[in-house]
């Protein structure tokens, strides 16, 4: 849940880190070189909003959630198991 909430910031950060030129293929199949130059965080956010709408901020969110979910589950299980172990140890003393 938290990674989905903050995902728009990840998209902005990634776009700012991209090379200044990229090759894109349009829906018509045309290959073109696109300049990606942003003046800053707000400029990047405004351009994403203008060109792609709200969905532009969540591109790649599902694969990210699939990647993050197992890690969060493992962390939760290890934490709970450790806490149970420590509680059991403290009752024997």
Foldseek 3Di string as FASTA:
>chain_A
DVCQVCQLVVLLVVLQPDDQWDWDADPVGDIDIDGRDAPDSVRSVVVQCVPPNPVSSCVPVVVVCVVVVVVVVVVVVVVVVVVVVVVVVVVVD
